[in-house]
Amino acid sequence: MKSLDAIDRQILLALQSDGRLSNQELADRVGLSPSPCLRRVRLLEEAGVIAGYRAVLDQEAVGLAITAFVRITLESHGAEVVERVEAEIRGIPEIVEAYLLAGDQDYLLKITVASFASYEDFVRTRLRTIPGLASIQTTFAFGVTKTVSPLPVGSY
């Protein structure tokens, strides 16, 4: 795909803020007629710039009041261990985000559960059962200062 121009960036910013915009509303916001706007959106989708659309849920409204950030360290960094741990992480629904790190820990996991008791059970029955983990360190979030926000595609 060609590099993103100013209109592509406007489209991306608008869709990140409201993925349910109709093509007409989106076209109006970015100053295009509907056909060229739809063509650009489809090109952005085909190029993988737009990776998907989803609803953003209120975590507490669905009964998931606890957010934990967990840093894990592996016993070894052999390919087999890394692949097994990453496959396990991807298969656990309570782990909503996972990042490979540089530094003292190997992964940062964002975990959502209903309660502290649920978290304790999660650690005992799911996290500690992953083969290859050397350590688990947990930090609990008491509040949210900034939620998932649009990528700053208009600022570069």
N, C-alpha and C. Protein backbone atom coordinates (compact mmCIF):
# COMPACT_ATOMS: atom_id res chain seq x y z
N MET A 1 0.85 -1.19 0.00
CA MET A 1 0.00 0.00 0.00
C MET A 1 0.88 1.24 0.00
N LYS A 2 0.40 2.25 -0.66
CA LYS A 2 1.10 3.53 -0.66
C LYS A 2 1.11 4.09 0.76
N SER A 3 1.92 5.10 1.00
CA SER A 3 1.95 5.70 2.33
C SER A 3 0.63 6.42 2.59
N LEU A 4 0.31 6.58 3.84
CA LEU A 4 -0.95 7.22 4.23
C LEU A 4 -0.89 8.72 3.99
N ASP A 5 -1.92 9.24 3.34
CA ASP A 5 -1.98 10.69 3.15
C ASP A 5 -2.90 11.29 4.23
N ALA A 6 -3.11 12.58 4.17
CA ALA A 6 -3.88 13.29 5.19
C ALA A 6 -5.32 12.78 5.27
N ILE A 7 -5.91 12.46 4.14
CA ILE A 7 -7.30 11.97 4.15
C ILE A 7 -7.37 10.57 4.76
N ASP A 8 -6.41 9.70 4.41
CA ASP A 8 -6.36 8.37 5.03
C ASP A 8 -6.28 8.52 6.55
N ARG A 9 -5.45 9.42 7.02
CA ARG A 9 -5.28 9.64 8.46
C ARG A 9 -6.57 10.14 9.09
N GLN A 10 -7.28 11.03 8.40
CA GLN A 10 -8.57 11.51 8.92
C GLN A 10 -9.57 10.36 9.01
N ILE A 11 -9.58 9.52 8.00
CA ILE A 11 -10.48 8.35 8.01
C ILE A 11 -10.15 7.45 9.19
N LEU A 12 -8.87 7.19 9.40
CA LEU A 12 -8.46 6.31 10.49
C LEU A 12 -8.80 6.90 11.86
N LEU A 13 -8.58 8.19 12.02
CA LEU A 13 -8.93 8.84 13.30
C LEU A 13 -10.44 8.77 13.54
N ALA A 14 -11.23 9.05 12.51
CA ALA A 14 -12.69 9.03 12.66
C ALA A 14 -13.19 7.63 12.99
N LEU A 15 -12.69 6.61 12.30
CA LEU A 15 -13.15 5.24 12.54
C LEU A 15 -12.69 4.70 13.89
N GLN A 16 -11.52 5.15 14.37
CA GLN A 16 -11.09 4.73 15.71
C GLN A 16 -12.00 5.30 16.78
N SER A 17 -12.51 6.51 16.55
CA SER A 17 -13.41 7.13 17.53
C SER A 17 -14.82 6.56 17.45
N ASP A 18 -15.25 6.20 16.24
CA ASP A 18 -16.59 5.65 16.06
C ASP A 18 -16.59 4.72 14.86
N GLY A 19 -16.39 3.44 15.12
CA GLY A 19 -16.34 2.44 14.06
C GLY A 19 -17.69 2.17 13.42
N ARG A 20 -18.76 2.75 13.98
CA ARG A 20 -20.10 2.52 13.43
C ARG A 20 -20.55 3.64 12.51
N LEU A 21 -19.66 4.57 12.19
CA LEU A 21 -20.04 5.64 11.26
C LEU A 21 -20.49 5.03 9.94
N SER A 22 -21.56 5.58 9.40
CA SER A 22 -21.95 5.16 8.05
C SER A 22 -20.93 5.73 7.07
N ASN A 23 -20.89 5.17 5.90
CA ASN A 23 -19.96 5.67 4.88
C ASN A 23 -20.27 7.13 4.57
N GLN A 24 -21.54 7.49 4.54
CA GLN A 24 -21.92 8.89 4.26
C GLN A 24 -21.41 9.81 5.36
N GLU A 25 -21.58 9.41 6.63
CA GLU A 25 -21.09 10.25 7.74
C GLU A 25 -19.57 10.38 7.70
N LEU A 26 -18.90 9.28 7.41
CA LEU A 26 -17.45 9.30 7.32
C LEU A 26 -17.00 10.21 6.17
N ALA A 27 -17.64 10.07 5.02
CA ALA A 27 -17.30 10.90 3.86
C ALA A 27 -17.48 12.38 4.19
N ASP A 28 -18.56 12.72 4.88
CA ASP A 28 -18.81 14.11 5.26
C ASP A 28 -17.71 14.63 6.19
N ARG A 29 -17.29 13.79 7.13
CA ARG A 29 -16.26 14.21 8.09
C ARG A 29 -14.91 14.47 7.44
N VAL A 30 -14.58 13.68 6.42
CA VAL A 30 -13.25 13.81 5.81
C VAL A 30 -13.27 14.62 4.51
N GLY A 31 -14.44 15.09 4.11
CA GLY A 31 -14.52 15.95 2.94
C GLY A 31 -14.44 15.23 1.61
N LEU A 32 -14.98 14.02 1.55
CA LEU A 32 -15.02 13.27 0.29
C LEU A 32 -16.46 12.94 -0.05
N SER A 33 -16.69 12.55 -1.28
CA SER A 33 -17.98 11.97 -1.63
C SER A 33 -17.96 10.50 -1.20
N PRO A 34 -19.12 9.86 -1.06
CA PRO A 34 -19.17 8.50 -0.53
C PRO A 34 -18.36 7.45 -1.29
N SER A 35 -18.38 7.47 -2.62
CA SER A 35 -17.67 6.43 -3.38
C SER A 35 -16.16 6.44 -3.14
N PRO A 36 -15.49 7.58 -3.28
CA PRO A 36 -14.05 7.57 -3.01
C PRO A 36 -13.72 7.25 -1.55
N CYS A 37 -14.60 7.66 -0.65
CA CYS A 37 -14.38 7.36 0.77
C CYS A 37 -14.43 5.86 1.00
N LEU A 38 -15.45 5.20 0.46
CA LEU A 38 -15.58 3.76 0.61
C LEU A 38 -14.41 3.04 -0.04
N ARG A 39 -13.97 3.52 -1.18
CA ARG A 39 -12.82 2.92 -1.86
C ARG A 39 -11.58 2.99 -0.96
N ARG A 40 -11.36 4.14 -0.34
CA ARG A 40 -10.21 4.31 0.56
C ARG A 40 -10.31 3.38 1.77
N VAL A 41 -11.49 3.29 2.36
CA VAL A 41 -11.68 2.42 3.53
C VAL A 41 -11.38 0.98 3.13
N ARG A 42 -11.88 0.54 2.00
CA ARG A 42 -11.63 -0.84 1.55
C ARG A 42 -10.15 -1.09 1.30
N LEU A 43 -9.46 -0.11 0.74
CA LEU A 43 -8.01 -0.25 0.52
C LEU A 43 -7.27 -0.34 1.86
N LEU A 44 -7.69 0.46 2.84
CA LEU A 44 -7.08 0.41 4.16
C LEU A 44 -7.34 -0.94 4.83
N GLU A 45 -8.52 -1.49 4.64
CA GLU A 45 -8.84 -2.82 5.17
C GLU A 45 -8.00 -3.90 4.48
N GLU A 46 -7.96 -3.86 3.16
CA GLU A 46 -7.22 -4.87 2.40
C GLU A 46 -5.73 -4.84 2.71
N ALA A 47 -5.20 -3.65 2.99
CA ALA A 47 -3.78 -3.51 3.30
C ALA A 47 -3.47 -3.90 4.74
N GLY A 48 -4.51 -4.15 5.52
CA GLY A 48 -4.30 -4.53 6.92
C GLY A 48 -4.09 -3.36 7.85
N VAL A 49 -4.22 -2.14 7.35
CA VAL A 49 -4.11 -0.96 8.22
C VAL A 49 -5.29 -0.95 9.18
N ILE A 50 -6.48 -1.21 8.66
CA ILE A 50 -7.66 -1.42 9.51
C ILE A 50 -7.75 -2.92 9.72
N ALA A 51 -7.47 -3.34 10.96
CA ALA A 51 -7.38 -4.77 11.25
C ALA A 51 -8.73 -5.37 11.64
N GLY A 52 -9.72 -4.56 11.96
CA GLY A 52 -11.03 -5.09 12.34
C GLY A 52 -11.86 -4.03 13.03
N TYR A 53 -13.07 -4.42 13.38
CA TYR A 53 -14.00 -3.54 14.07
C TYR A 53 -14.54 -4.31 15.26
N ARG A 54 -14.77 -3.62 16.38
CA ARG A 54 -15.32 -4.31 17.55
C ARG A 54 -16.02 -3.33 18.46
N ALA A 55 -16.84 -3.86 19.33
CA ALA A 55 -17.50 -3.05 20.35
C ALA A 55 -16.57 -2.96 21.57
N VAL A 56 -16.52 -1.80 22.18
CA VAL A 56 -15.74 -1.61 23.40
C VAL A 56 -16.72 -1.71 24.57
N LEU A 57 -16.48 -2.68 25.46
CA LEU A 57 -17.39 -2.94 26.56
C LEU A 57 -16.94 -2.23 27.83
N ASP A 58 -17.90 -1.91 28.67
CA ASP A 58 -17.60 -1.38 29.99
C ASP A 58 -17.28 -2.57 30.88
N GLN A 59 -16.05 -2.65 31.34
CA GLN A 59 -15.55 -3.81 32.09
C GLN A 59 -16.38 -4.09 33.34
N GLU A 60 -16.68 -3.06 34.11
CA GLU A 60 -17.46 -3.27 35.34
C GLU A 60 -18.90 -3.67 35.03
N ALA A 61 -19.47 -3.11 33.96
CA ALA A 61 -20.85 -3.42 33.61
C ALA A 61 -21.04 -4.89 33.26
N VAL A 62 -19.97 -5.55 32.82
CA VAL A 62 -20.06 -6.97 32.50
C VAL A 62 -19.49 -7.84 33.62
N GLY A 63 -19.30 -7.24 34.80
CA GLY A 63 -18.92 -8.01 35.98
C GLY A 63 -17.45 -8.31 36.13
N LEU A 64 -16.59 -7.55 35.47
CA LEU A 64 -15.14 -7.78 35.56
C LEU A 64 -14.49 -6.57 36.23
N ALA A 65 -14.63 -6.50 37.53
CA ALA A 65 -14.22 -5.31 38.28
C ALA A 65 -12.72 -5.20 38.51
N ILE A 66 -11.99 -6.29 38.40
CA ILE A 66 -10.56 -6.29 38.76
C ILE A 66 -9.69 -6.34 37.50
N THR A 67 -8.72 -5.43 37.45
CA THR A 67 -7.69 -5.46 36.41
C THR A 67 -6.36 -5.68 37.10
N ALA A 68 -5.63 -6.68 36.64
CA ALA A 68 -4.30 -6.97 37.16
C ALA A 68 -3.30 -6.90 36.02
N PHE A 69 -2.15 -6.30 36.31
CA PHE A 69 -1.04 -6.32 35.37
C PHE A 69 -0.02 -7.29 35.93
N VAL A 70 0.29 -8.30 35.16
CA VAL A 70 1.14 -9.39 35.63
C VAL A 70 2.39 -9.45 34.77
N ARG A 71 3.52 -9.45 35.44
CA ARG A 71 4.81 -9.59 34.76
C ARG A 71 5.30 -11.01 35.03
N ILE A 72 5.59 -11.71 33.95
CA ILE A 72 6.09 -13.08 34.12
C ILE A 72 7.49 -13.19 33.53
N THR A 73 8.25 -14.08 34.15
CA THR A 73 9.61 -14.38 33.69
C THR A 73 9.65 -15.87 33.37
N LEU A 74 10.31 -16.22 32.28
CA LEU A 74 10.42 -17.61 31.87
C LEU A 74 11.64 -18.27 32.50
N GLU A 75 11.54 -19.59 32.68
CA GLU A 75 12.69 -20.36 33.18
C GLU A 75 13.82 -20.38 32.16
N SER A 76 13.46 -20.46 30.87
CA SER A 76 14.46 -20.43 29.80
C SER A 76 13.83 -19.75 28.60
N HIS A 77 14.67 -19.43 27.62
CA HIS A 77 14.18 -18.72 26.45
C HIS A 77 14.32 -19.54 25.18
N GLY A 78 14.35 -20.85 25.34
CA GLY A 78 14.39 -21.73 24.18
C GLY A 78 13.11 -21.61 23.37
N ALA A 79 13.21 -21.85 22.10
CA ALA A 79 12.07 -21.69 21.20
C ALA A 79 10.86 -22.50 21.64
N GLU A 80 11.09 -23.72 22.10
CA GLU A 80 9.98 -24.59 22.51
C GLU A 80 9.23 -24.00 23.71
N VAL A 81 9.98 -23.51 24.69
CA VAL A 81 9.36 -22.91 25.89
C VAL A 81 8.58 -21.66 25.50
N VAL A 82 9.20 -20.79 24.72
CA VAL A 82 8.54 -19.54 24.32
C VAL A 82 7.27 -19.84 23.54
N GLU A 83 7.32 -20.74 22.58
CA GLU A 83 6.14 -21.08 21.78
C GLU A 83 5.04 -21.66 22.65
N ARG A 84 5.39 -22.53 23.60
CA ARG A 84 4.39 -23.14 24.47
C ARG A 84 3.74 -22.09 25.38
N VAL A 85 4.55 -21.22 25.97
CA VAL A 85 4.01 -20.18 26.86
C VAL A 85 3.11 -19.24 26.08
N GLU A 86 3.55 -18.79 24.91
CA GLU A 86 2.73 -17.88 24.12
C GLU A 86 1.42 -18.53 23.67
N ALA A 87 1.46 -19.81 23.33
CA ALA A 87 0.23 -20.51 22.95
C ALA A 87 -0.72 -20.58 24.14
N GLU A 88 -0.19 -20.86 25.33
CA GLU A 88 -1.03 -20.90 26.54
C GLU A 88 -1.65 -19.54 26.80
N ILE A 89 -0.84 -18.48 26.71
CA ILE A 89 -1.33 -17.12 26.96
C ILE A 89 -2.47 -16.79 26.00
N ARG A 90 -2.30 -17.10 24.73
CA ARG A 90 -3.34 -16.79 23.74
C ARG A 90 -4.64 -17.55 24.02
N GLY A 91 -4.56 -18.69 24.68
CA GLY A 91 -5.74 -19.51 24.93
C GLY A 91 -6.49 -19.20 26.21
N ILE A 92 -6.04 -18.22 26.98
CA ILE A 92 -6.69 -17.91 28.26
C ILE A 92 -7.49 -16.62 28.11
N PRO A 93 -8.82 -16.69 28.16
CA PRO A 93 -9.65 -15.52 27.90
C PRO A 93 -9.46 -14.37 28.90
N GLU A 94 -9.12 -14.68 30.13
CA GLU A 94 -8.93 -13.63 31.13
C GLU A 94 -7.73 -12.74 30.82
N ILE A 95 -6.80 -13.25 30.04
CA ILE A 95 -5.66 -12.45 29.60
C ILE A 95 -6.12 -11.68 28.36
N VAL A 96 -6.39 -10.40 28.54
CA VAL A 96 -6.96 -9.61 27.44
C VAL A 96 -5.91 -8.90 26.61
N GLU A 97 -4.69 -8.76 27.15
CA GLU A 97 -3.57 -8.21 26.39
C GLU A 97 -2.30 -8.88 26.90
N ALA A 98 -1.34 -9.05 26.00
CA ALA A 98 -0.06 -9.63 26.39
C ALA A 98 1.04 -9.01 25.53
N TYR A 99 2.12 -8.63 26.20
CA TYR A 99 3.23 -7.97 25.52
C TYR A 99 4.53 -8.67 25.85
N LEU A 100 5.36 -8.90 24.84
CA LEU A 100 6.71 -9.40 25.01
C LEU A 100 7.56 -8.20 25.40
N LEU A 101 8.38 -8.34 26.45
CA LEU A 101 9.14 -7.22 26.99
C LEU A 101 10.64 -7.36 26.78
N ALA A 102 11.30 -6.23 26.83
CA ALA A 102 12.76 -6.19 26.97
C ALA A 102 12.99 -5.77 28.42
N GLY A 103 13.96 -6.36 29.07
CA GLY A 103 14.23 -5.99 30.46
C GLY A 103 14.21 -7.20 31.37
N ASP A 104 13.92 -6.95 32.66
CA ASP A 104 13.99 -8.00 33.67
C ASP A 104 12.90 -9.06 33.53
N GLN A 105 11.70 -8.66 33.12
CA GLN A 105 10.62 -9.62 32.92
C GLN A 105 10.46 -9.91 31.44
N ASP A 106 9.81 -11.03 31.14
CA ASP A 106 9.66 -11.44 29.74
C ASP A 106 8.34 -11.02 29.11
N TYR A 107 7.25 -11.00 29.90
CA TYR A 107 5.93 -10.66 29.37
C TYR A 107 5.18 -9.80 30.37
N LEU A 108 4.34 -8.90 29.85
CA LEU A 108 3.40 -8.14 30.65
C LEU A 108 2.01 -8.56 30.19
N LEU A 109 1.20 -9.02 31.13
CA LEU A 109 -0.15 -9.48 30.83
C LEU A 109 -1.17 -8.56 31.49
N LYS A 110 -2.22 -8.23 30.78
CA LYS A 110 -3.35 -7.51 31.37
C LYS A 110 -4.46 -8.54 31.55
N ILE A 111 -4.89 -8.68 32.79
CA ILE A 111 -5.86 -9.71 33.14
C ILE A 111 -7.09 -9.06 33.75
N THR A 112 -8.27 -9.49 33.34
CA THR A 112 -9.51 -8.99 33.94
C THR A 112 -10.29 -10.15 34.53
N VAL A 113 -10.74 -9.95 35.77
CA VAL A 113 -11.52 -10.96 36.48
C VAL A 113 -12.59 -10.26 37.32
N ALA A 114 -13.49 -11.03 37.89
CA ALA A 114 -14.61 -10.48 38.64
C ALA A 114 -14.22 -9.97 40.03
N SER A 115 -13.29 -10.65 40.69
CA SER A 115 -12.99 -10.32 42.09
C SER A 115 -11.57 -10.73 42.44
N PHE A 116 -11.13 -10.32 43.63
CA PHE A 116 -9.82 -10.76 44.08
C PHE A 116 -9.79 -12.27 44.29
N ALA A 117 -10.89 -12.82 44.77
CA ALA A 117 -10.97 -14.28 44.93
C ALA A 117 -10.86 -14.96 43.56
N SER A 118 -11.49 -14.39 42.55
CA SER A 118 -11.38 -14.93 41.19
C SER A 118 -9.95 -14.86 40.70
N TYR A 119 -9.25 -13.78 41.04
CA TYR A 119 -7.86 -13.65 40.62
C TYR A 119 -7.00 -14.72 41.29
N GLU A 120 -7.22 -14.91 42.58
CA GLU A 120 -6.44 -15.95 43.29
C GLU A 120 -6.66 -17.31 42.64
N ASP A 121 -7.92 -17.63 42.35
CA ASP A 121 -8.23 -18.90 41.69
C ASP A 121 -7.58 -18.96 40.30
N PHE A 122 -7.62 -17.87 39.57
CA PHE A 122 -7.01 -17.79 38.24
C PHE A 122 -5.51 -18.10 38.32
N VAL A 123 -4.83 -17.50 39.28
CA VAL A 123 -3.39 -17.73 39.41
C VAL A 123 -3.12 -19.19 39.76
N ARG A 124 -3.90 -19.73 40.69
CA ARG A 124 -3.67 -21.11 41.13
C ARG A 124 -3.98 -22.13 40.04
N THR A 125 -5.06 -21.92 39.31
CA THR A 125 -5.52 -22.96 38.38
C THR A 125 -5.13 -22.73 36.93
N ARG A 126 -4.80 -21.50 36.54
CA ARG A 126 -4.47 -21.23 35.14
C ARG A 126 -3.03 -20.77 34.95
N LEU A 127 -2.66 -19.72 35.68
CA LEU A 127 -1.35 -19.11 35.42
C LEU A 127 -0.21 -20.00 35.89
N ARG A 128 -0.30 -20.49 37.11
CA ARG A 128 0.79 -21.32 37.64
C ARG A 128 0.91 -22.67 36.95
N THR A 129 -0.10 -23.06 36.21
CA THR A 129 -0.05 -24.35 35.52
C THR A 129 0.65 -24.26 34.16
N ILE A 130 1.01 -23.04 33.74
CA ILE A 130 1.72 -22.89 32.47
C ILE A 130 3.16 -23.37 32.67
N PRO A 131 3.58 -24.39 31.96
CA PRO A 131 4.95 -24.88 32.10
C PRO A 131 5.95 -23.85 31.61
N GLY A 132 7.05 -23.70 32.33
CA GLY A 132 8.12 -22.83 31.88
C GLY A 132 8.19 -21.47 32.55
N LEU A 133 7.26 -21.18 33.48
CA LEU A 133 7.30 -19.89 34.17
C LEU A 133 8.22 -19.97 35.38
N ALA A 134 9.07 -18.96 35.52
CA ALA A 134 9.96 -18.89 36.68
C ALA A 134 9.40 -17.99 37.76
N SER A 135 8.73 -16.89 37.38
CA SER A 135 8.16 -15.98 38.38
C SER A 135 6.94 -15.27 37.84
N ILE A 136 6.09 -14.87 38.79
CA ILE A 136 4.86 -14.14 38.49
C ILE A 136 4.80 -12.97 39.46
N GLN A 137 4.67 -11.75 38.94
CA GLN A 137 4.54 -10.56 39.79
C GLN A 137 3.29 -9.82 39.37
N THR A 138 2.45 -9.45 40.35
CA THR A 138 1.16 -8.84 40.06
C THR A 138 1.08 -7.43 40.64
N THR A 139 0.49 -6.53 39.86
CA THR A 139 0.12 -5.19 40.30
C THR A 139 -1.35 -5.01 39.95
N PHE A 140 -2.14 -4.54 40.92
CA PHE A 140 -3.57 -4.32 40.67
C PHE A 140 -3.82 -2.85 40.34
N ALA A 141 -4.70 -2.62 39.39
CA ALA A 141 -5.11 -1.26 39.03
C ALA A 141 -6.29 -0.86 39.91
N PHE A 142 -6.20 0.31 40.53
CA PHE A 142 -7.31 0.81 41.35
C PHE A 142 -8.28 1.66 40.56
N GLY A 143 -7.86 2.15 39.43
CA GLY A 143 -8.72 2.98 38.59
C GLY A 143 -8.11 3.12 37.21
N VAL A 144 -8.87 3.72 36.32
CA VAL A 144 -8.43 3.93 34.95
C VAL A 144 -8.26 5.43 34.72
N THR A 145 -7.06 5.82 34.35
CA THR A 145 -6.79 7.23 34.06
C THR A 145 -7.08 7.55 32.60
N LYS A 146 -6.79 6.60 31.73
CA LYS A 146 -7.03 6.76 30.30
C LYS A 146 -7.35 5.41 29.72
N THR A 147 -8.48 5.31 29.05
CA THR A 147 -8.87 4.03 28.45
C THR A 147 -8.27 3.91 27.06
N VAL A 148 -8.57 2.79 26.42
CA VAL A 148 -8.10 2.58 25.06
C VAL A 148 -8.46 3.80 24.23
N SER A 149 -7.47 4.34 23.58
CA SER A 149 -7.71 5.55 22.80
C SER A 149 -7.16 5.37 21.40
N PRO A 150 -7.60 6.23 20.50
CA PRO A 150 -7.14 6.11 19.11
C PRO A 150 -5.62 6.24 19.01
N LEU A 151 -5.04 5.49 18.08
CA LEU A 151 -3.63 5.68 17.77
C LEU A 151 -3.45 7.07 17.18
N PRO A 152 -2.38 7.76 17.51
CA PRO A 152 -2.21 9.14 17.04
C PRO A 152 -1.73 9.22 15.59
N VAL A 153 -2.50 8.68 14.68
CA VAL A 153 -2.08 8.61 13.27
C VAL A 153 -2.01 9.98 12.60
N GLY A 154 -2.61 10.98 13.18
CA GLY A 154 -2.57 12.30 12.58
C GLY A 154 -1.38 13.12 13.00
N SER A 155 -0.54 12.59 13.92
CA SER A 155 0.50 13.41 14.50
C SER A 155 1.90 13.12 13.97
N TYR A 156 2.01 12.36 12.92
CA TYR A 156 3.36 12.14 12.38
C TYR A 156 3.40 12.40 10.91
